[in-house]
Amino acid sequence: MDHGIAGIDHVIVGVRDLERARLGWERLGFTLTPRGRHLGQGTANYCIMFARDYLELLGFVEADPYGHRLRQFLERGEGALGPAFALAGPPEAVAAALAARGLHPAPPRALGRQLELPEGTVVPRFSLINLPPEETPGLDTFLCGHLTPELVRRPQWLVHANGVTGLAGIDVSVADPAALLPAYRRLFGDGAVHGDGEAATVEAGPHRIRFVRGAEAGIAALRLTIADRDRAADHLTQWQVPFDDRADGALAIPAAQANGVELILSAA
């Protein structure tokens, strides 16, 4: 892909109490990885892994003088902080491809986190690329490449009791969807972006980003795919999780049940 982005790698959900969030998402029917600790930072995470993407529950476990972004977000409330886009090639090649499109990527930088496994600690490593905020309007985002994918995608972590199989896309509330169109055409190409004054859709690889007009900016919903609708509904009912059984066949879990972000479950 000449734009260097292969879709959404993961979505970060900011939480105030990481252990309470873990229990809450397990109740929703998700399998969570062991806890990860970011090297040199006061943050930790639990991840919900799928075959090609994942969700990251991110919170503080100790004081972090560098955690301004997450701290400021949590002062307003919990919820989906932002997506990380997936690299479509080596980090340096992706950065060059973005620059060729008139964008301004920062040089790739390394990130590691300690993953606390029963047999001992391992260190998954990543390469991150940042873009200026004005080049991804409406989203707090960056690009993420996996240098050690085998450490974070173990088969037993990909199976979820609710039958969720992956991320389909995100719904984002913004003041003016039409104003975002030029930036995302530059990022993804003209054919991937559609919209008008009330809504805009961006095809990011296999994922769809929906920008809709709204008073409160931010990610409003995560759209997830399910293998079996009845299985998902049965799990939620068994665990007394409230959900809306929509006319289109989707199951909608209210934001109050998922740390501030609505979950919409639909057949793949």
Protein backbone atom coordinates (compact mmCIF):
# COMPACT_ATOMS: atom_id res chain seq x y z
CA MET A 1 0.00 0.00 0.00
CA ASP A 2 1.64 3.23 -1.07
CA HIS A 3 0.21 5.18 1.85
CA GLY A 4 2.06 2.90 4.32
CA ILE A 5 -0.97 2.11 6.49
CA ALA A 6 -2.52 -1.37 6.55
CA GLY A 7 -5.54 -0.56 8.75
CA ILE A 8 -6.05 -0.23 12.49
CA ASP A 9 -3.55 -2.17 14.59
CA HIS A 10 -5.30 -1.58 17.91
CA VAL A 11 -7.54 0.79 19.85
CA ILE A 12 -6.49 2.12 23.26
CA VAL A 13 -9.14 2.31 26.01
CA GLY A 14 -8.05 4.54 28.89
CA VAL A 15 -9.11 3.25 32.32
CA ARG A 16 -8.70 4.62 35.83
CA ASP A 17 -8.49 1.27 37.64
CA LEU A 18 -6.71 -1.31 35.52
CA GLU A 19 -7.57 -4.35 37.63
CA ARG A 20 -11.24 -3.41 37.89
CA ALA A 21 -11.31 -2.90 34.11
CA ARG A 22 -9.80 -6.37 33.61
CA LEU A 23 -12.59 -7.96 35.63
CA GLY A 24 -15.22 -5.94 33.77
CA TRP A 25 -14.03 -6.98 30.31
CA GLU A 26 -13.71 -10.60 31.39
CA ARG A 27 -17.37 -10.39 32.43
CA LEU A 28 -18.17 -9.16 28.92
CA GLY A 29 -16.69 -12.40 27.61
CA PHE A 30 -13.20 -11.36 26.52
CA THR A 31 -9.95 -13.24 27.12
CA LEU A 32 -7.24 -10.86 28.35
CA THR A 33 -3.50 -11.28 28.07
CA PRO A 34 -1.34 -11.17 31.18
CA ARG A 35 -0.50 -7.65 32.31
CA GLY A 36 2.15 -5.70 30.43
CA ARG A 37 4.34 -2.94 31.89
CA HIS A 38 5.76 -0.24 29.62
CA LEU A 39 9.50 0.10 30.11
CA GLY A 40 10.51 3.39 31.69
CA GLN A 41 6.89 4.48 32.23
CA GLY A 42 4.25 4.23 34.96
CA THR A 43 1.63 2.69 32.68
CA ALA A 44 0.54 -0.90 32.21
CA ASN A 45 -2.01 -2.67 30.07
CA TYR A 46 -4.14 -5.71 29.44
CA CYS A 47 -4.78 -6.58 25.79
CA ILE A 48 -7.70 -8.29 24.07
CA MET A 49 -6.15 -9.98 21.06
CA PHE A 50 -7.74 -10.88 17.74
CA ALA A 51 -6.16 -12.38 14.63
CA ARG A 52 -5.25 -9.05 12.98
CA ASP A 53 -6.02 -6.31 15.54
CA TYR A 54 -6.67 -5.87 19.26
CA LEU A 55 -7.93 -3.67 22.08
CA GLU A 56 -5.62 -2.29 24.76
CA LEU A 57 -6.84 -1.40 28.26
CA LEU A 58 -4.33 1.20 29.45
CA GLY A 59 -3.93 2.66 32.92
CA PHE A 60 -1.43 3.86 35.51
CA VAL A 61 0.10 1.50 38.05
CA GLU A 62 2.50 4.06 39.52
CA ALA A 63 3.29 7.75 39.21
CA ASP A 64 4.46 8.70 35.74
CA PRO A 65 5.88 12.20 35.11
CA TYR A 66 5.63 11.59 31.35
CA GLY A 67 2.05 10.33 31.21
CA HIS A 68 0.44 13.69 30.41
CA ARG A 69 -1.64 12.45 27.48
CA LEU A 70 -3.33 9.63 29.39
CA ARG A 71 -3.64 11.63 32.61
CA GLN A 72 -5.39 14.53 30.88
CA PHE A 73 -7.72 12.11 29.09
CA LEU A 74 -8.70 10.33 32.32
CA GLU A 75 -9.40 13.66 34.04
CA ARG A 76 -12.29 14.02 31.58
CA GLY A 77 -13.39 10.40 31.92
CA GLU A 78 -12.69 6.88 30.73
CA GLY A 79 -13.18 5.76 27.14
CA ALA A 80 -11.46 5.00 23.86
CA LEU A 81 -8.39 7.22 23.74
CA GLY A 82 -7.57 6.56 20.11
CA PRO A 83 -6.58 4.04 17.46
CA ALA A 84 -3.08 3.05 16.46
CA PHE A 85 -2.71 2.44 12.74
CA ALA A 86 -0.83 -0.61 11.48
CA LEU A 87 2.33 -0.25 9.41
CA ALA A 88 2.12 -1.76 5.93
CA GLY A 89 5.89 -2.35 5.76
CA PRO A 90 9.20 -1.65 7.52
CA PRO A 91 9.01 1.51 9.68
CA GLU A 92 11.53 3.50 7.62
CA ALA A 93 9.74 2.64 4.36
CA VAL A 94 6.38 3.62 5.83
CA ALA A 95 7.74 6.95 7.03
CA ALA A 96 9.16 7.60 3.56
CA ALA A 97 5.83 6.70 1.91
CA LEU A 98 3.95 9.09 4.20
CA ALA A 99 6.44 11.88 3.52
CA ALA A 100 6.02 11.30 -0.22
CA ARG A 101 2.31 12.04 0.22
CA GLY A 102 3.13 15.45 1.74
CA LEU A 103 2.77 14.30 5.34
CA HIS A 104 5.25 14.92 8.16
CA PRO A 105 5.99 11.69 10.05
CA ALA A 106 8.42 11.78 12.94
CA PRO A 107 11.31 9.30 12.79
CA PRO A 108 10.35 5.81 14.01
CA ARG A 109 10.98 5.26 17.71
CA ALA A 110 11.24 2.09 19.77
CA LEU A 111 8.90 0.95 22.56
CA GLY A 112 9.10 -2.14 24.76
CA ARG A 113 6.86 -3.52 27.45
CA GLN A 114 7.37 -6.30 29.96
CA LEU A 115 4.74 -9.01 29.60
CA GLU A 116 4.29 -10.90 32.87
CA LEU A 117 3.87 -14.56 31.87
CA PRO A 118 3.69 -17.51 34.30
CA GLU A 119 6.93 -18.92 32.88
CA GLY A 120 8.70 -15.57 33.19
CA THR A 121 8.78 -12.05 31.79
CA VAL A 122 9.21 -11.41 28.07
CA VAL A 123 9.61 -8.06 26.31
CA PRO A 124 7.47 -7.47 23.20
CA ARG A 125 8.93 -4.65 21.12
CA PHE A 126 7.31 -2.16 18.76
CA SER A 127 8.21 0.65 16.38
CA LEU A 128 6.05 3.78 16.60
CA ILE A 129 5.63 6.69 14.17
CA ASN A 130 3.85 9.92 15.09
CA LEU A 131 2.13 12.36 12.75
CA PRO A 132 1.25 15.98 13.59
CA PRO A 133 -2.29 16.23 15.07
CA GLU A 134 -3.53 18.33 12.15
CA GLU A 135 -2.75 15.47 9.75
CA THR A 136 -5.14 13.08 11.55
CA PRO A 137 -7.90 15.48 12.69
CA GLY A 138 -10.52 14.10 15.05
CA LEU A 139 -8.24 11.25 16.16
CA ASP A 140 -5.52 11.01 18.79
CA THR A 141 -3.44 8.46 16.94
CA PHE A 142 -0.04 7.11 15.89
CA LEU A 143 1.32 4.25 13.79
CA CYS A 144 2.49 1.00 15.35
CA GLY A 145 4.60 -1.83 13.96
CA HIS A 146 5.19 -5.14 15.77
CA LEU A 147 8.80 -6.31 15.92
CA THR A 148 8.01 -9.44 18.01
CA PRO A 149 4.42 -10.43 17.03
CA GLU A 150 4.86 -14.01 18.20
CA LEU A 151 5.01 -12.79 21.81
CA VAL A 152 1.59 -11.12 21.78
CA ARG A 153 -0.55 -13.41 19.58
CA ARG A 154 -0.66 -16.76 21.34
CA PRO A 155 -3.50 -19.01 20.14
CA GLN A 156 -5.17 -19.25 23.55
CA TRP A 157 -5.51 -15.46 23.72
CA LEU A 158 -7.47 -15.27 20.45
CA VAL A 159 -10.52 -17.23 21.68
CA HIS A 160 -13.25 -15.25 23.47
CA ALA A 161 -16.30 -16.60 25.30
CA ASN A 162 -18.55 -14.01 23.64
CA GLY A 163 -17.46 -15.11 20.16
CA VAL A 164 -15.93 -11.75 19.16
CA THR A 165 -13.45 -12.28 16.32
CA GLY A 166 -12.06 -8.84 15.61
CA LEU A 167 -12.43 -5.11 15.14
CA ALA A 168 -14.56 -3.87 12.23
CA GLY A 169 -14.17 -0.14 12.84
CA ILE A 170 -14.81 2.84 15.07
CA ASP A 171 -17.44 5.58 15.26
CA VAL A 172 -16.01 9.02 16.03
CA SER A 173 -17.94 12.14 17.03
CA VAL A 174 -16.58 15.42 15.60
CA ALA A 175 -17.88 18.96 15.19
CA ASP A 176 -17.60 19.06 11.38
CA PRO A 177 -17.06 15.81 9.44
CA ALA A 178 -16.66 17.59 6.11
CA ALA A 179 -13.68 19.57 7.39
CA LEU A 180 -11.75 16.31 7.91
CA LEU A 181 -12.06 15.04 4.35
CA PRO A 182 -8.95 16.70 2.80
CA ALA A 183 -6.64 15.39 5.51
CA TYR A 184 -7.86 11.80 5.23
CA ARG A 185 -7.77 11.87 1.44
CA ARG A 186 -4.10 12.79 1.72
CA LEU A 187 -3.54 10.00 4.23
CA PHE A 188 -5.52 7.18 2.57
CA GLY A 189 -6.22 8.33 -0.98
CA ASP A 190 -9.32 9.80 -2.63
CA GLY A 191 -11.05 6.47 -3.17
CA ALA A 192 -10.97 5.56 0.51
CA VAL A 193 -12.82 8.65 1.77
CA HIS A 194 -16.52 9.44 1.33
CA GLY A 195 -18.84 11.85 3.03
CA ASP A 196 -20.68 15.12 3.36
CA GLY A 197 -21.46 17.67 6.04
CA GLU A 198 -23.13 15.23 8.43
CA ALA A 199 -20.93 12.15 8.17
CA ALA A 200 -17.71 10.90 6.60
CA THR A 201 -16.38 7.38 6.15
CA VAL A 202 -12.72 6.41 5.83
CA GLU A 203 -11.76 2.94 4.61
CA ALA A 204 -8.55 2.17 6.49
CA GLY A 205 -7.54 -1.18 5.05
CA PRO A 206 -10.11 -3.70 6.33
CA HIS A 207 -11.42 -1.24 8.92
CA ARG A 208 -13.98 1.53 8.61
CA ILE A 209 -13.78 4.83 10.49
CA ARG A 210 -17.09 6.68 10.67
CA PHE A 211 -16.97 10.38 11.55
CA VAL A 212 -20.37 11.71 12.58
CA ARG A 213 -21.44 15.17 13.66
CA GLY A 214 -21.68 15.43 17.44
CA ALA A 215 -21.30 17.89 20.28
CA GLU A 216 -18.90 15.74 22.33
CA ALA A 217 -15.73 14.94 20.40
CA GLY A 218 -14.10 11.52 20.64
CA ILE A 219 -14.57 7.85 19.86
CA ALA A 220 -18.17 6.96 20.67
CA ALA A 221 -18.26 3.27 19.71
CA LEU A 222 -16.13 0.29 18.75
CA ARG A 223 -17.64 -2.00 16.11
CA LEU A 224 -16.66 -5.63 16.67
CA THR A 225 -17.34 -8.74 14.59
CA ILE A 226 -18.89 -11.88 16.08
CA ALA A 227 -18.93 -15.41 14.76
CA ASP A 228 -22.28 -16.33 16.31
CA ARG A 229 -24.86 -13.74 17.37
CA ASP A 230 -26.79 -16.17 19.59
CA ARG A 231 -23.60 -17.19 21.38
CA ALA A 232 -22.77 -13.57 22.11
CA ALA A 233 -26.30 -12.81 23.34
CA ASP A 234 -26.33 -15.94 25.52
CA HIS A 235 -23.05 -14.98 27.18
CA LEU A 236 -24.20 -11.44 27.91
CA THR A 237 -27.50 -12.69 29.27
CA GLN A 238 -25.81 -15.29 31.47
CA TRP A 239 -23.51 -12.68 32.98
CA GLN A 240 -26.35 -10.15 33.32
CA VAL A 241 -24.72 -7.62 31.01
CA PRO A 242 -27.36 -5.21 29.66
CA PHE A 243 -27.43 -4.87 25.89
CA ASP A 244 -29.65 -3.52 23.16
CA ASP A 245 -30.88 -6.06 20.61
CA ARG A 246 -31.00 -3.87 17.51
CA ALA A 247 -33.30 -4.24 14.54
CA ASP A 248 -30.30 -4.67 12.22
CA GLY A 249 -29.20 -7.72 14.19
CA ALA A 250 -26.38 -6.01 16.06
CA LEU A 251 -25.95 -6.26 19.82
CA ALA A 252 -25.03 -2.94 21.48
CA ILE A 253 -23.37 -2.93 24.90
CA PRO A 254 -23.75 0.46 26.64
CA ALA A 255 -20.66 2.55 27.28
CA ALA A 256 -21.22 2.29 31.04
CA GLN A 257 -20.43 -1.45 30.80
CA ALA A 258 -17.15 -0.98 28.90
CA ASN A 259 -15.21 1.87 30.52
CA GLY A 260 -16.88 4.65 28.58
CA VAL A 261 -17.12 3.28 25.03
CA GLU A 262 -20.13 1.61 23.43
CA LEU A 263 -19.48 -1.82 21.89
CA ILE A 264 -21.49 -2.79 18.80
CA LEU A 265 -21.30 -6.49 17.98
CA SER A 266 -22.30 -7.59 14.45
CA ALA A 267 -21.84 -10.63 12.25
CA ALA A 268 -18.67 -10.48 10.18
